[in-house]
């Protein structure tokens, strides 16, 4: 199994190339800068944290991207400004991301929390994960996205696409837990700081595969994993 998980990464990377996640939104246009090296500052770490919440239960592009752009244009993508703004004001800016009233409250809370915990990204991984999961509206996937992309610590993100692909390939059971799937990746790839770039790329590559081929109704023709997939479910 470990060899197959490593092979999947090599095959996807060869087919799709580097994805450059997490993308930072350009301040002037509603588009992303897919550059290597983010986050380059605390401001970008905070933007990634906000993006992780905006991306909950919606598409990153265009929905979450438009919401992030609106926050930037409205000078709200700053912890102090976001924390002090009215929820209704934030909600209007992030309507494109869906569930905007819920997300507005979550963003205000997380902005206050960020202000009160300036050393948050520097905390040990387990402490950071426990603290994030204790925040209202943050579950495993969002917490691990923040940990991996904003804090740059090795915690593999398991989303619905990952579960679908791994299940269809026969690498995990359909009802496998989040923790079990995540541990499968950690066992195969390692879990020290050196695997962070691979974790980022692997997660993004799985998303790309799901968008192109491993959809709810799979499009197996031309799929780079077709030769090693069990085609289950």
C-alpha atoms as a PDB file:
ATOM      1  CA  UNK A   1       0.000   0.000   0.000  1.00  0.00           C
ATOM      2  CA  UNK A   2       2.775   2.450   0.897  1.00  0.00           C
ATOM      3  CA  UNK A   3       4.418   1.901  -2.483  1.00  0.00           C
ATOM      4  CA  UNK A   4       1.107   2.531  -4.263  1.00  0.00           C
ATOM      5  CA  UNK A   5       0.495   5.795  -2.409  1.00  0.00           C
ATOM      6  CA  UNK A   6       3.975   6.987  -3.391  1.00  0.00           C
ATOM      7  CA  UNK A   7       3.370   5.901  -6.970  1.00  0.00           C
ATOM      8  CA  UNK A   8       0.068   7.800  -7.132  1.00  0.00           C
ATOM      9  CA  UNK A   9       1.897  10.992  -6.224  1.00  0.00           C
ATOM     10  CA  UNK A  10       4.575  10.454  -8.878  1.00  0.00           C
ATOM     11  CA  UNK A  11       2.019   9.686 -11.577  1.00  0.00           C
ATOM     12  CA  UNK A  12      -0.207  12.668 -10.782  1.00  0.00           C
ATOM     13  CA  UNK A  13       2.732  15.051 -10.511  1.00  0.00           C
ATOM     14  CA  UNK A  14       4.052  13.864 -13.866  1.00  0.00           C
ATOM     15  CA  UNK A  15       0.636  14.340 -15.515  1.00  0.00           C
ATOM     16  CA  UNK A  16      -0.597  17.570 -13.934  1.00  0.00           C
ATOM     17  CA  UNK A  17       2.606  19.247 -12.761  1.00  0.00           C
ATOM     18  CA  UNK A  18       3.002  21.384  -9.613  1.00  0.00           C
ATOM     19  CA  UNK A  19      -0.225  23.029  -8.456  1.00  0.00           C
ATOM     20  CA  UNK A  20       1.256  25.828  -6.359  1.00  0.00           C
ATOM     21  CA  UNK A  21      -1.181  25.723  -3.434  1.00  0.00           C
ATOM     22  CA  UNK A  22      -2.058  27.745  -1.373  1.00  0.00           C
ATOM     23  CA  UNK A  23      -2.833  30.469  -3.938  1.00  0.00           C
ATOM     24  CA  UNK A  24      -2.834  34.077  -2.753  1.00  0.00           C
ATOM     25  CA  UNK A  25      -5.540  36.328  -4.190  1.00  0.00           C
ATOM     26  CA  UNK A  26      -4.427  39.350  -6.184  1.00  0.00           C
ATOM     27  CA  UNK A  27      -5.562  42.606  -4.591  1.00  0.00           C
ATOM     28  CA  UNK A  28      -6.565  44.248  -7.875  1.00  0.00           C
ATOM     29  CA  UNK A  29      -8.389  41.433  -9.661  1.00  0.00           C
ATOM     30  CA  UNK A  30     -10.469  38.474  -8.492  1.00  0.00           C
ATOM     31  CA  UNK A  31      -7.825  35.928  -9.441  1.00  0.00           C
ATOM     32  CA  UNK A  32      -5.136  33.897  -7.705  1.00  0.00           C
ATOM     33  CA  UNK A  33      -1.389  34.134  -7.851  1.00  0.00           C
ATOM     34  CA  UNK A  34      -0.188  30.553  -8.130  1.00  0.00           C
ATOM     35  CA  UNK A  35       3.375  31.195  -7.015  1.00  0.00           C
ATOM     36  CA  UNK A  36       5.804  29.045  -5.107  1.00  0.00           C
ATOM     37  CA  UNK A  37       6.632  30.157  -1.591  1.00  0.00           C
ATOM     38  CA  UNK A  38       3.366  31.215   0.064  1.00  0.00           C
ATOM     39  CA  UNK A  39       2.970  32.056   2.849  1.00  0.00           C
ATOM     40  CA  UNK A  40       5.658  34.694   2.753  1.00  0.00           C
ATOM     41  CA  UNK A  41       4.361  36.765   5.654  1.00  0.00           C
ATOM     42  CA  UNK A  42       1.958  36.778   8.601  1.00  0.00           C
ATOM     43  CA  UNK A  43      -0.523  38.613   6.377  1.00  0.00           C
ATOM     44  CA  UNK A  44      -0.489  35.706   3.925  1.00  0.00           C
ATOM     45  CA  UNK A  45      -0.800  33.185   6.759  1.00  0.00           C
ATOM     46  CA  UNK A  46      -3.904  35.004   7.905  1.00  0.00           C
ATOM     47  CA  UNK A  47      -5.274  35.132   4.362  1.00  0.00           C
ATOM     48  CA  UNK A  48      -4.829  31.360   4.074  1.00  0.00           C
ATOM     49  CA  UNK A  49      -6.612  30.839   7.390  1.00  0.00           C
ATOM     50  CA  UNK A  50      -9.521  32.979   6.174  1.00  0.00           C
ATOM     51  CA  UNK A  51      -9.511  31.160   2.837  1.00  0.00           C
ATOM     52  CA  UNK A  52      -9.770  27.793   4.580  1.00  0.00           C
ATOM     53  CA  UNK A  53     -12.960  28.909   6.292  1.00  0.00           C
ATOM     54  CA  UNK A  54     -14.432  30.532   3.178  1.00  0.00           C
ATOM     55  CA  UNK A  55     -13.783  27.338   1.189  1.00  0.00           C
ATOM     56  CA  UNK A  56     -15.936  25.233   3.523  1.00  0.00           C
ATOM     57  CA  UNK A  57     -18.822  23.596   1.621  1.00  0.00           C
ATOM     58  CA  UNK A  58     -18.152  25.514  -1.581  1.00  0.00           C
ATOM     59  CA  UNK A  59     -15.808  25.680  -4.550  1.00  0.00           C
ATOM     60  CA  UNK A  60     -12.505  27.478  -4.124  1.00  0.00           C
ATOM     61  CA  UNK A  61     -12.803  29.055  -7.552  1.00  0.00           C
ATOM     62  CA  UNK A  62     -14.715  31.216  -8.142  1.00  0.00           C
ATOM     63  CA  UNK A  63     -16.736  31.316  -4.919  1.00  0.00           C
ATOM     64  CA  UNK A  64     -14.112  31.543  -2.157  1.00  0.00           C
ATOM     65  CA  UNK A  65     -11.759  33.555  -4.369  1.00  0.00           C
ATOM     66  CA  UNK A  66     -14.388  36.225  -4.989  1.00  0.00           C
ATOM     67  CA  UNK A  67     -15.115  36.443  -1.273  1.00  0.00           C
ATOM     68  CA  UNK A  68     -11.427  36.846  -0.424  1.00  0.00           C
ATOM     69  CA  UNK A  69     -11.062  39.500  -3.108  1.00  0.00           C
ATOM     70  CA  UNK A  70     -14.057  41.404  -1.709  1.00  0.00           C
ATOM     71  CA  UNK A  71     -12.549  41.312   1.786  1.00  0.00           C
ATOM     72  CA  UNK A  72      -9.256  42.627   0.425  1.00  0.00           C
ATOM     73  CA  UNK A  73     -10.886  45.402  -1.573  1.00  0.00           C
ATOM     74  CA  UNK A  74     -12.962  46.322   1.477  1.00  0.00           C
ATOM     75  CA  UNK A  75      -9.805  46.490   3.641  1.00  0.00           C
ATOM     76  CA  UNK A  76     -11.210  43.744   5.861  1.00  0.00           C
ATOM     77  CA  UNK A  77      -8.575  41.060   5.327  1.00  0.00           C
ATOM     78  CA  UNK A  78      -6.684  42.272   8.378  1.00  0.00           C
ATOM     79  CA  UNK A  79      -7.217  40.653  11.803  1.00  0.00           C
ATOM     80  CA  UNK A  80      -8.050  43.887  13.636  1.00  0.00           C
ATOM     81  CA  UNK A  81     -10.477  45.089  10.966  1.00  0.00           C
ATOM     82  CA  UNK A  82     -12.184  41.717  10.590  1.00  0.00           C
ATOM     83  CA  UNK A  83     -12.500  41.256  14.349  1.00  0.00           C
ATOM     84  CA  UNK A  84     -14.105  44.651  14.849  1.00  0.00           C
ATOM     85  CA  UNK A  85     -16.444  44.635  11.840  1.00  0.00           C
ATOM     86  CA  UNK A  86     -20.138  43.894  12.103  1.00  0.00           C
ATOM     87  CA  UNK A  87     -21.081  40.382  11.066  1.00  0.00           C
ATOM     88  CA  UNK A  88     -23.625  41.815   8.617  1.00  0.00           C
ATOM     89  CA  UNK A  89     -20.909  43.851   6.911  1.00  0.00           C
ATOM     90  CA  UNK A  90     -18.659  40.816   6.500  1.00  0.00           C
ATOM     91  CA  UNK A  91     -21.580  38.672   5.336  1.00  0.00           C
ATOM     92  CA  UNK A  92     -22.326  41.036   2.458  1.00  0.00           C
ATOM     93  CA  UNK A  93     -18.727  40.881   1.295  1.00  0.00           C
ATOM     94  CA  UNK A  94     -18.517  37.081   1.362  1.00  0.00           C
ATOM     95  CA  UNK A  95     -21.904  36.186  -0.120  1.00  0.00           C
ATOM     96  CA  UNK A  96     -20.246  34.356  -3.025  1.00  0.00           C
ATOM     97  CA  UNK A  97     -18.816  31.774  -0.600  1.00  0.00           C
ATOM     98  CA  UNK A  98     -22.243  30.633   0.600  1.00  0.00           C
ATOM     99  CA  UNK A  99     -23.364  30.174   4.218  1.00  0.00           C
ATOM    100  CA  UNK A 100     -22.209  33.765   4.543  1.00  0.00           C
ATOM    101  CA  UNK A 101     -23.914  34.542   7.860  1.00  0.00           C
ATOM    102  CA  UNK A 102     -22.307  31.521   9.548  1.00  0.00           C
ATOM    103  CA  UNK A 103     -18.944  32.172   7.954  1.00  0.00           C
ATOM    104  CA  UNK A 104     -19.034  35.857   8.894  1.00  0.00           C
ATOM    105  CA  UNK A 105     -19.359  34.943  12.568  1.00  0.00           C
ATOM    106  CA  UNK A 106     -16.616  32.330  12.255  1.00  0.00           C
ATOM    107  CA  UNK A 107     -14.296  34.849  10.629  1.00  0.00           C
ATOM    108  CA  UNK A 108     -14.884  37.419  13.359  1.00  0.00           C
ATOM    109  CA  UNK A 109     -14.155  34.833  16.045  1.00  0.00           C
ATOM    110  CA  UNK A 110     -11.042  33.472  14.348  1.00  0.00           C
ATOM    111  CA  UNK A 111      -9.737  37.015  13.758  1.00  0.00           C
ATOM    112  CA  UNK A 112     -10.091  37.794  17.465  1.00  0.00           C
ATOM    113  CA  UNK A 113      -8.462  34.490  18.304  1.00  0.00           C
ATOM    114  CA  UNK A 114      -5.572  35.244  15.926  1.00  0.00           C
ATOM    115  CA  UNK A 115      -5.054  38.609  17.635  1.00  0.00           C
ATOM    116  CA  UNK A 116      -5.064  37.002  21.066  1.00  0.00           C
ATOM    117  CA  UNK A 117      -2.687  34.195  19.998  1.00  0.00           C
ATOM    118  CA  UNK A 118       0.061  35.799  17.870  1.00  0.00           C
ATOM    119  CA  UNK A 119       2.284  32.739  18.205  1.00  0.00           C
ATOM    120  CA  UNK A 120      -0.420  30.407  16.847  1.00  0.00           C
ATOM    121  CA  UNK A 121       1.480  29.203  13.724  1.00  0.00           C
ATOM    122  CA  UNK A 122       4.572  28.456  15.832  1.00  0.00           C
ATOM    123  CA  UNK A 123       2.848  26.094  18.261  1.00  0.00           C
ATOM    124  CA  UNK A 124       3.741  22.371  18.138  1.00  0.00           C
ATOM    125  CA  UNK A 125       1.527  20.521  15.681  1.00  0.00           C
ATOM    126  CA  UNK A 126      -0.541  18.562  18.195  1.00  0.00           C
ATOM    127  CA  UNK A 127      -1.160  21.633  20.353  1.00  0.00           C
ATOM    128  CA  UNK A 128      -2.074  23.707  17.311  1.00  0.00           C
ATOM    129  CA  UNK A 129      -4.490  21.073  16.023  1.00  0.00           C
ATOM    130  CA  UNK A 130      -6.226  20.726  19.398  1.00  0.00           C
ATOM    131  CA  UNK A 131      -6.602  24.497  19.697  1.00  0.00           C
ATOM    132  CA  UNK A 132      -8.012  24.849  16.178  1.00  0.00           C
ATOM    133  CA  UNK A 133     -10.486  21.993  16.654  1.00  0.00           C
ATOM    134  CA  UNK A 134     -11.728  23.701  19.808  1.00  0.00           C
ATOM    135  CA  UNK A 135     -12.808  26.708  17.726  1.00  0.00           C
ATOM    136  CA  UNK A 136     -16.462  26.800  16.679  1.00  0.00           C
ATOM    137  CA  UNK A 137     -16.946  25.813  13.050  1.00  0.00           C
ATOM    138  CA  UNK A 138     -13.518  24.249  12.531  1.00  0.00           C
ATOM    139  CA  UNK A 139     -13.394  20.505  11.923  1.00  0.00           C
ATOM    140  CA  UNK A 140     -10.650  18.091  10.938  1.00  0.00           C
ATOM    141  CA  UNK A 141     -10.348  19.128   7.292  1.00  0.00           C
ATOM    142  CA  UNK A 142     -10.295  22.875   7.975  1.00  0.00           C
ATOM    143  CA  UNK A 143      -7.887  22.479  10.886  1.00  0.00           C
ATOM    144  CA  UNK A 144      -5.475  20.407   8.810  1.00  0.00           C
ATOM    145  CA  UNK A 145      -5.717  22.839   5.890  1.00  0.00           C
ATOM    146  CA  UNK A 146      -4.703  25.674   8.222  1.00  0.00           C
ATOM    147  CA  UNK A 147      -1.934  23.583   9.771  1.00  0.00           C
ATOM    148  CA  UNK A 148      -0.506  22.460   6.430  1.00  0.00           C
ATOM    149  CA  UNK A 149      -0.848  25.584   4.307  1.00  0.00           C
ATOM    150  CA  UNK A 150      -0.696  28.441   6.824  1.00  0.00           C
ATOM    151  CA  UNK A 151       1.485  27.001   9.604  1.00  0.00           C
ATOM    152  CA  UNK A 152       3.402  24.703   7.206  1.00  0.00           C
ATOM    153  CA  UNK A 153       3.370  21.698   9.483  1.00  0.00           C
ATOM    154  CA  UNK A 154       2.952  18.088   8.273  1.00  0.00           C
ATOM    155  CA  UNK A 155      -0.711  17.192   8.715  1.00  0.00           C
ATOM    156  CA  UNK A 156      -2.208  15.625   5.579  1.00  0.00           C
ATOM    157  CA  UNK A 157      -5.585  17.056   4.541  1.00  0.00           C
ATOM    158  CA  UNK A 158      -8.302  14.474   3.912  1.00  0.00           C
ATOM    159  CA  UNK A 159     -11.208  15.909   1.959  1.00  0.00           C
ATOM    160  CA  UNK A 160     -14.119  14.282   0.133  1.00  0.00           C
ATOM    161  CA  UNK A 161     -12.022  13.963  -3.026  1.00  0.00           C
ATOM    162  CA  UNK A 162      -9.238  12.136  -1.199  1.00  0.00           C
ATOM    163  CA  UNK A 163     -11.714   9.727   0.368  1.00  0.00           C
ATOM    164  CA  UNK A 164     -13.386   9.069  -2.993  1.00  0.00           C
ATOM    165  CA  UNK A 165     -10.140   8.465  -4.885  1.00  0.00           C
ATOM    166  CA  UNK A 166      -8.523   6.292  -2.238  1.00  0.00           C
ATOM    167  CA  UNK A 167     -11.726   4.287  -1.848  1.00  0.00           C
ATOM    168  CA  UNK A 168     -12.141   3.706  -5.575  1.00  0.00           C
ATOM    169  CA  UNK A 169      -8.519   2.635  -5.822  1.00  0.00           C
ATOM    170  CA  UNK A 170      -9.129   0.072  -3.090  1.00  0.00           C
ATOM    171  CA  UNK A 171      -6.643   1.684  -0.705  1.00  0.00           C
ATOM    172  CA  UNK A 172      -9.201   2.295   2.039  1.00  0.00           C
ATOM    173  CA  UNK A 173     -12.700   1.220   2.960  1.00  0.00           C
ATOM    174  CA  UNK A 174     -15.593   3.421   1.912  1.00  0.00           C
ATOM    175  CA  UNK A 175     -16.443   4.112   5.554  1.00  0.00           C
ATOM    176  CA  UNK A 176     -12.836   4.598   6.751  1.00  0.00           C
ATOM    177  CA  UNK A 177     -12.441   7.331   9.353  1.00  0.00           C
ATOM    178  CA  UNK A 178     -10.710  10.634   8.706  1.00  0.00           C
ATOM    179  CA  UNK A 179      -7.946   9.660  11.127  1.00  0.00           C
ATOM    180  CA  UNK A 180      -7.396   6.281   9.462  1.00  0.00           C
ATOM    181  CA  UNK A 181      -7.030   7.788   5.980  1.00  0.00           C
ATOM    182  CA  UNK A 182      -4.728  10.504   7.245  1.00  0.00           C
ATOM    183  CA  UNK A 183      -2.571   7.951   9.058  1.00  0.00           C
ATOM    184  CA  UNK A 184      -2.324   5.928   5.862  1.00  0.00           C
ATOM    185  CA  UNK A 185      -0.669   8.895   4.140  1.00  0.00           C
ATOM    186  CA  UNK A 186       1.570   9.636   7.122  1.00  0.00           C
ATOM    187  CA  UNK A 187       2.715   6.013   7.256  1.00  0.00           C
ATOM    188  CA  UNK A 188       3.499   5.970   3.544  1.00  0.00           C
ATOM    189  CA  UNK A 189       5.093   9.393   3.158  1.00  0.00           C
ATOM    190  CA  UNK A 190       6.451  10.217   6.615  1.00  0.00           C
ATOM    191  CA  UNK A 191       5.388  12.980   8.964  1.00  0.00           C
ATOM    192  CA  UNK A 192       8.426  15.167   9.560  1.00  0.00           C
ATOM    193  CA  UNK A 193       8.711  18.778   8.424  1.00  0.00           C
ATOM    194  CA  UNK A 194      10.449  17.743   5.207  1.00  0.00           C
ATOM    195  CA  UNK A 195       7.263  16.269   3.739  1.00  0.00           C
ATOM    196  CA  UNK A 196       5.260  19.515   3.959  1.00  0.00           C
ATOM    197  CA  UNK A 197       5.837  20.497   0.284  1.00  0.00           C
ATOM    198  CA  UNK A 198       4.809  16.991  -0.833  1.00  0.00           C
ATOM    199  CA  UNK A 199       1.704  17.025   1.362  1.00  0.00           C
ATOM    200  CA  UNK A 200       0.660  20.349  -0.171  1.00  0.00           C
ATOM    201  CA  UNK A 201       1.182  19.131  -3.729  1.00  0.00           C
ATOM    202  CA  UNK A 202      -0.371  15.720  -3.129  1.00  0.00           C
ATOM    203  CA  UNK A 203      -3.566  17.188  -1.715  1.00  0.00           C
ATOM    204  CA  UNK A 204      -3.826  19.678  -4.585  1.00  0.00           C
ATOM    205  CA  UNK A 205      -3.125  16.969  -7.175  1.00  0.00           C
ATOM    206  CA  UNK A 206      -5.900  14.778  -5.771  1.00  0.00           C
ATOM    207  CA  UNK A 207      -8.297  17.713  -6.072  1.00  0.00           C
ATOM    208  CA  UNK A 208      -7.222  18.212  -9.693  1.00  0.00           C
ATOM    209  CA  UNK A 209      -7.742  14.518 -10.445  1.00  0.00           C
ATOM    210  CA  UNK A 210     -11.214  14.638  -8.902  1.00  0.00           C
ATOM    211  CA  UNK A 211     -12.157  17.675 -10.981  1.00  0.00           C
ATOM    212  CA  UNK A 212     -10.978  16.086 -14.228  1.00  0.00           C
ATOM    213  CA  UNK A 213     -11.655  12.371 -13.829  1.00  0.00           C
ATOM    214  CA  UNK A 214     -12.653  11.032 -10.410  1.00  0.00           C
ATOM    215  CA  UNK A 215     -15.977  12.842 -10.284  1.00  0.00           C
ATOM    216  CA  UNK A 216     -19.137  11.586  -8.597  1.00  0.00           C
ATOM    217  CA  UNK A 217     -19.667   9.705 -11.860  1.00  0.00           C
ATOM    218  CA  UNK A 218     -16.085   8.750 -12.779  1.00  0.00           C
ATOM    219  CA  UNK A 219     -14.562   9.585 -16.152  1.00  0.00           C
ATOM    220  CA  UNK A 220     -11.995   6.797 -16.363  1.00  0.00           C
ATOM    221  CA  UNK A 221     -10.956   7.397 -19.964  1.00  0.00           C
ATOM    222  CA  UNK A 222      -7.604   9.152 -19.949  1.00  0.00           C
ATOM    223  CA  UNK A 223      -7.269   9.013 -16.153  1.00  0.00           C
ATOM    224  CA  UNK A 224      -3.569   8.719 -15.249  1.00  0.00           C
ATOM    225  CA  UNK A 225      -4.422   6.236 -12.475  1.00  0.00           C
ATOM    226  CA  UNK A 226      -6.643   3.994 -14.573  1.00  0.00           C
ATOM    227  CA  UNK A 227      -4.048   1.227 -14.774  1.00  0.00           C
ATOM    228  CA  UNK A 228      -3.652   0.922 -10.992  1.00  0.00           C
ATOM    229  CA  UNK A 229      -7.200   1.724  -9.875  1.00  0.00           C
ATOM    230  CA  UNK A 230      -9.529  -1.006  -8.591  1.00  0.00           C
ATOM    231  CA  UNK A 231     -12.472   1.070  -9.874  1.00  0.00           C
ATOM    232  CA  UNK A 232     -14.556   0.350  -6.786  1.00  0.00           C
ATOM    233  CA  UNK A 233     -17.779   2.157  -5.835  1.00  0.00           C
END
